[in-house]
């Protein structure tokens, strides 16, 4: 990793994909996944797990809400042709959904990410399948409950993961609504 493990302090400024955190009188600009700044506190301290990206002409700090998100970002950066901008775009899927998409081999879902073409999607799947978050298994909550619900409806684990990756992410939806949409998507795939 780098010498800059995390930063913590009040947020002094923010944009769509960046924040400035005051760390002992030093304002550090931290790039974050687009749209995630709203989830950060407006008062009090914020803590972001960071990665210092250094290249010949670029020095940038990237910040994440969890060490897991940072670990996946670093894993993505290790792939040929994947830079920080693309890695941040891929993380907008969420770590669990990204892992499920890769495990399912769903090139089309990855290729919907800005800057990711078919060949890059194939390379990501080839190099990361079976290597993300304990072999790409989903966390116990969230998407894991949805996958288990789909398995209860008769889908195999691989089918459940693949069809869930195809359902648009909507945090306002209940687990039951997401299961119903995923099952409908599965039925539509089978009808083709």
Protein backbone atom coordinates (compact mmCIF):
# COMPACT_ATOMS: atom_id res chain seq x y z
CA UNK A 1 0.00 0.00 0.00
CA UNK A 2 1.19 3.54 0.41
CA UNK A 3 2.31 5.62 3.35
CA UNK A 4 -1.06 7.48 3.33
CA UNK A 5 -3.42 4.90 4.89
CA UNK A 6 -6.37 7.20 5.56
CA UNK A 7 -7.25 10.85 6.08
CA UNK A 8 -9.61 12.19 8.71
CA UNK A 9 -10.86 15.71 9.25
CA UNK A 10 -13.62 18.16 8.44
CA UNK A 11 -14.68 18.51 4.81
CA UNK A 12 -13.83 22.02 3.64
CA UNK A 13 -15.05 21.68 0.05
CA UNK A 14 -16.72 19.16 -2.22
CA UNK A 15 -17.59 18.46 -5.82
CA UNK A 16 -19.30 15.59 -7.61
CA UNK A 17 -16.23 13.33 -7.39
CA UNK A 18 -13.87 15.00 -4.91
CA UNK A 19 -13.66 16.47 -1.43
CA UNK A 20 -11.09 18.63 0.34
CA UNK A 21 -10.37 17.41 3.86
CA UNK A 22 -8.60 19.63 6.37
CA UNK A 23 -5.93 17.50 8.00
CA UNK A 24 -4.19 19.60 10.63
CA UNK A 25 -4.38 22.77 8.57
CA UNK A 26 -3.43 21.05 5.32
CA UNK A 27 -6.22 20.80 2.71
CA UNK A 28 -5.98 17.45 0.93
CA UNK A 29 -8.02 16.97 -2.24
CA UNK A 30 -9.31 13.40 -2.33
CA UNK A 31 -10.93 11.93 -5.44
CA UNK A 32 -13.94 9.78 -4.55
CA UNK A 33 -16.43 7.73 -6.60
CA UNK A 34 -18.82 10.08 -8.41
CA UNK A 35 -21.93 10.87 -6.41
CA UNK A 36 -20.57 9.52 -3.12
CA UNK A 37 -19.85 12.93 -1.61
CA UNK A 38 -23.49 13.27 -0.50
CA UNK A 39 -23.03 10.31 1.85
CA UNK A 40 -20.13 12.02 3.63
CA UNK A 41 -20.91 14.10 6.72
CA UNK A 42 -21.45 17.83 6.33
CA UNK A 43 -20.42 18.50 9.94
CA UNK A 44 -17.78 16.78 12.00
CA UNK A 45 -14.95 14.64 10.74
CA UNK A 46 -14.96 12.34 7.74
CA UNK A 47 -12.52 9.45 7.35
CA UNK A 48 -11.58 8.08 3.96
CA UNK A 49 -9.28 5.11 3.32
CA UNK A 50 -6.84 6.38 0.75
CA UNK A 51 -4.59 5.35 -2.09
CA UNK A 52 -1.83 7.64 -3.32
CA UNK A 53 -1.57 7.30 -7.10
CA UNK A 54 1.83 8.33 -8.43
CA UNK A 55 2.92 8.38 -12.06
CA UNK A 56 5.50 10.49 -13.90
CA UNK A 57 3.25 13.51 -14.28
CA UNK A 58 0.37 12.70 -11.92
CA UNK A 59 0.03 12.71 -8.14
CA UNK A 60 -3.49 12.11 -6.83
CA UNK A 61 -5.15 10.82 -3.70
CA UNK A 62 -8.18 8.52 -4.05
CA UNK A 63 -10.48 7.95 -1.10
CA UNK A 64 -12.94 5.21 -0.18
CA UNK A 65 -15.46 4.63 2.58
CA UNK A 66 -14.11 1.16 3.40
CA UNK A 67 -10.79 -0.66 3.14
CA UNK A 68 -12.56 -3.27 0.94
CA UNK A 69 -13.47 -0.61 -1.63
CA UNK A 70 -9.86 0.57 -1.66
CA UNK A 71 -8.57 -3.00 -2.05
CA UNK A 72 -10.78 -3.58 -5.11
CA UNK A 73 -9.64 -0.24 -6.58
CA UNK A 74 -6.00 -1.29 -6.18
CA UNK A 75 -6.80 -4.70 -7.68
CA UNK A 76 -8.38 -3.02 -10.70
CA UNK A 77 -5.39 -0.69 -11.13
CA UNK A 78 -3.18 -3.76 -11.39
CA UNK A 79 -4.84 -4.71 -14.68
CA UNK A 80 -3.35 -3.62 -17.98
CA UNK A 81 -5.38 -0.79 -19.51
CA UNK A 82 -7.28 0.10 -16.32
CA UNK A 83 -6.47 3.51 -14.88
CA UNK A 84 -7.91 5.32 -11.87
CA UNK A 85 -10.79 6.91 -13.78
CA UNK A 86 -11.99 3.56 -15.13
CA UNK A 87 -11.48 1.84 -11.77
CA UNK A 88 -13.56 4.53 -10.04
CA UNK A 89 -16.30 4.13 -12.67
CA UNK A 90 -16.35 0.37 -12.14
CA UNK A 91 -16.66 0.87 -8.38
CA UNK A 92 -19.92 2.77 -8.94
CA UNK A 93 -21.47 -0.69 -9.36
CA UNK A 94 -20.59 -1.45 -5.74
CA UNK A 95 -17.99 -4.00 -4.70
CA UNK A 96 -20.46 -6.88 -4.31
CA UNK A 97 -22.21 -6.26 -7.61
CA UNK A 98 -18.87 -5.82 -9.42
CA UNK A 99 -17.62 -9.12 -7.99
CA UNK A 100 -20.87 -10.84 -8.99
CA UNK A 101 -20.67 -9.41 -12.51
CA UNK A 102 -17.10 -10.61 -12.92
CA UNK A 103 -17.89 -14.07 -11.52
CA UNK A 104 -20.86 -14.35 -13.87
CA UNK A 105 -18.65 -13.41 -16.82
CA UNK A 106 -21.10 -10.68 -17.80
CA UNK A 107 -19.07 -8.68 -20.35
CA UNK A 108 -22.10 -6.63 -21.40
CA UNK A 109 -22.68 -5.30 -17.87
CA UNK A 110 -19.01 -4.32 -17.49
CA UNK A 111 -18.96 -2.73 -20.95
CA UNK A 112 -21.76 -0.34 -19.86
CA UNK A 113 -19.16 1.41 -17.70
CA UNK A 114 -17.75 4.51 -19.42
CA UNK A 115 -14.39 3.72 -21.03
CA UNK A 116 -14.76 -0.06 -20.73
CA UNK A 117 -15.00 -1.73 -24.10
CA UNK A 118 -15.63 -5.37 -24.90
CA UNK A 119 -11.93 -6.32 -24.88
CA UNK A 120 -11.28 -4.57 -21.58
CA UNK A 121 -14.36 -6.25 -20.06
CA UNK A 122 -13.05 -9.64 -21.25
CA UNK A 123 -9.62 -8.92 -19.74
CA UNK A 124 -11.14 -7.87 -16.40
CA UNK A 125 -13.17 -11.07 -16.25
CA UNK A 126 -10.24 -13.23 -17.32
CA UNK A 127 -7.83 -11.75 -14.78
CA UNK A 128 -10.17 -11.26 -11.79
CA UNK A 129 -12.63 -14.14 -11.94
CA UNK A 130 -12.23 -16.16 -8.77
CA UNK A 131 -9.89 -13.59 -7.19
CA UNK A 132 -12.24 -10.95 -5.80
CA UNK A 133 -13.41 -10.91 -2.19
CA UNK A 134 -12.96 -14.55 -1.36
CA UNK A 135 -13.60 -15.87 -4.85
CA UNK A 136 -16.30 -13.34 -5.66
CA UNK A 137 -18.74 -14.55 -3.04
CA UNK A 138 -21.21 -11.90 -2.03
CA UNK A 139 -21.38 -10.52 1.46
CA UNK A 140 -23.88 -12.06 3.88
CA UNK A 141 -26.29 -9.13 3.65
CA UNK A 142 -27.53 -7.04 0.75
CA UNK A 143 -27.01 -8.82 -2.57
CA UNK A 144 -26.29 -12.10 -0.74
CA UNK A 145 -29.88 -12.21 0.52
CA UNK A 146 -31.16 -11.58 -3.00
CA UNK A 147 -29.00 -14.38 -4.43
CA UNK A 148 -30.26 -16.76 -1.74
CA UNK A 149 -33.86 -15.76 -2.54
CA UNK A 150 -33.30 -16.49 -6.23
CA UNK A 151 -31.74 -19.85 -5.39
CA UNK A 152 -34.87 -20.58 -3.34
CA UNK A 153 -36.89 -19.96 -6.51
CA UNK A 154 -34.96 -22.65 -8.35
CA UNK A 155 -32.03 -20.82 -9.95
CA UNK A 156 -28.48 -22.10 -9.62
CA UNK A 157 -26.03 -19.82 -7.79
CA UNK A 158 -24.35 -18.91 -11.11
CA UNK A 159 -27.70 -18.07 -12.73
CA UNK A 160 -28.74 -15.99 -9.69
CA UNK A 161 -25.49 -14.02 -9.67
CA UNK A 162 -25.63 -13.45 -13.44
CA UNK A 163 -29.24 -12.28 -13.49
CA UNK A 164 -28.73 -10.03 -10.44
CA UNK A 165 -25.80 -8.33 -12.18
CA UNK A 166 -28.20 -7.43 -15.01
CA UNK A 167 -30.75 -5.73 -12.72
CA UNK A 168 -30.15 -1.97 -12.37
CA UNK A 169 -29.04 -0.95 -8.89
CA UNK A 170 -31.72 0.95 -6.91
CA UNK A 171 -31.19 1.34 -3.14
CA UNK A 172 -34.82 2.46 -2.68
CA UNK A 173 -36.05 -0.99 -3.76
CA UNK A 174 -36.80 -3.66 -1.15
CA UNK A 175 -35.06 -7.04 -1.29
CA UNK A 176 -38.36 -8.66 -2.34
CA UNK A 177 -38.84 -6.17 -5.19
CA UNK A 178 -35.29 -6.77 -6.40
CA UNK A 179 -35.80 -10.56 -6.26
CA UNK A 180 -39.01 -10.18 -8.28
CA UNK A 181 -37.28 -8.00 -10.92
CA UNK A 182 -34.31 -10.37 -11.12
CA UNK A 183 -36.61 -13.38 -11.51
CA UNK A 184 -38.51 -11.57 -14.27
CA UNK A 185 -35.20 -10.81 -16.00
CA UNK A 186 -34.29 -14.50 -15.69
CA UNK A 187 -37.61 -15.46 -17.30
CA UNK A 188 -37.02 -12.99 -20.13
CA UNK A 189 -33.54 -14.45 -20.76
CA UNK A 190 -34.93 -17.98 -20.89
CA UNK A 191 -37.69 -16.92 -23.31
CA UNK A 192 -35.10 -15.65 -25.86
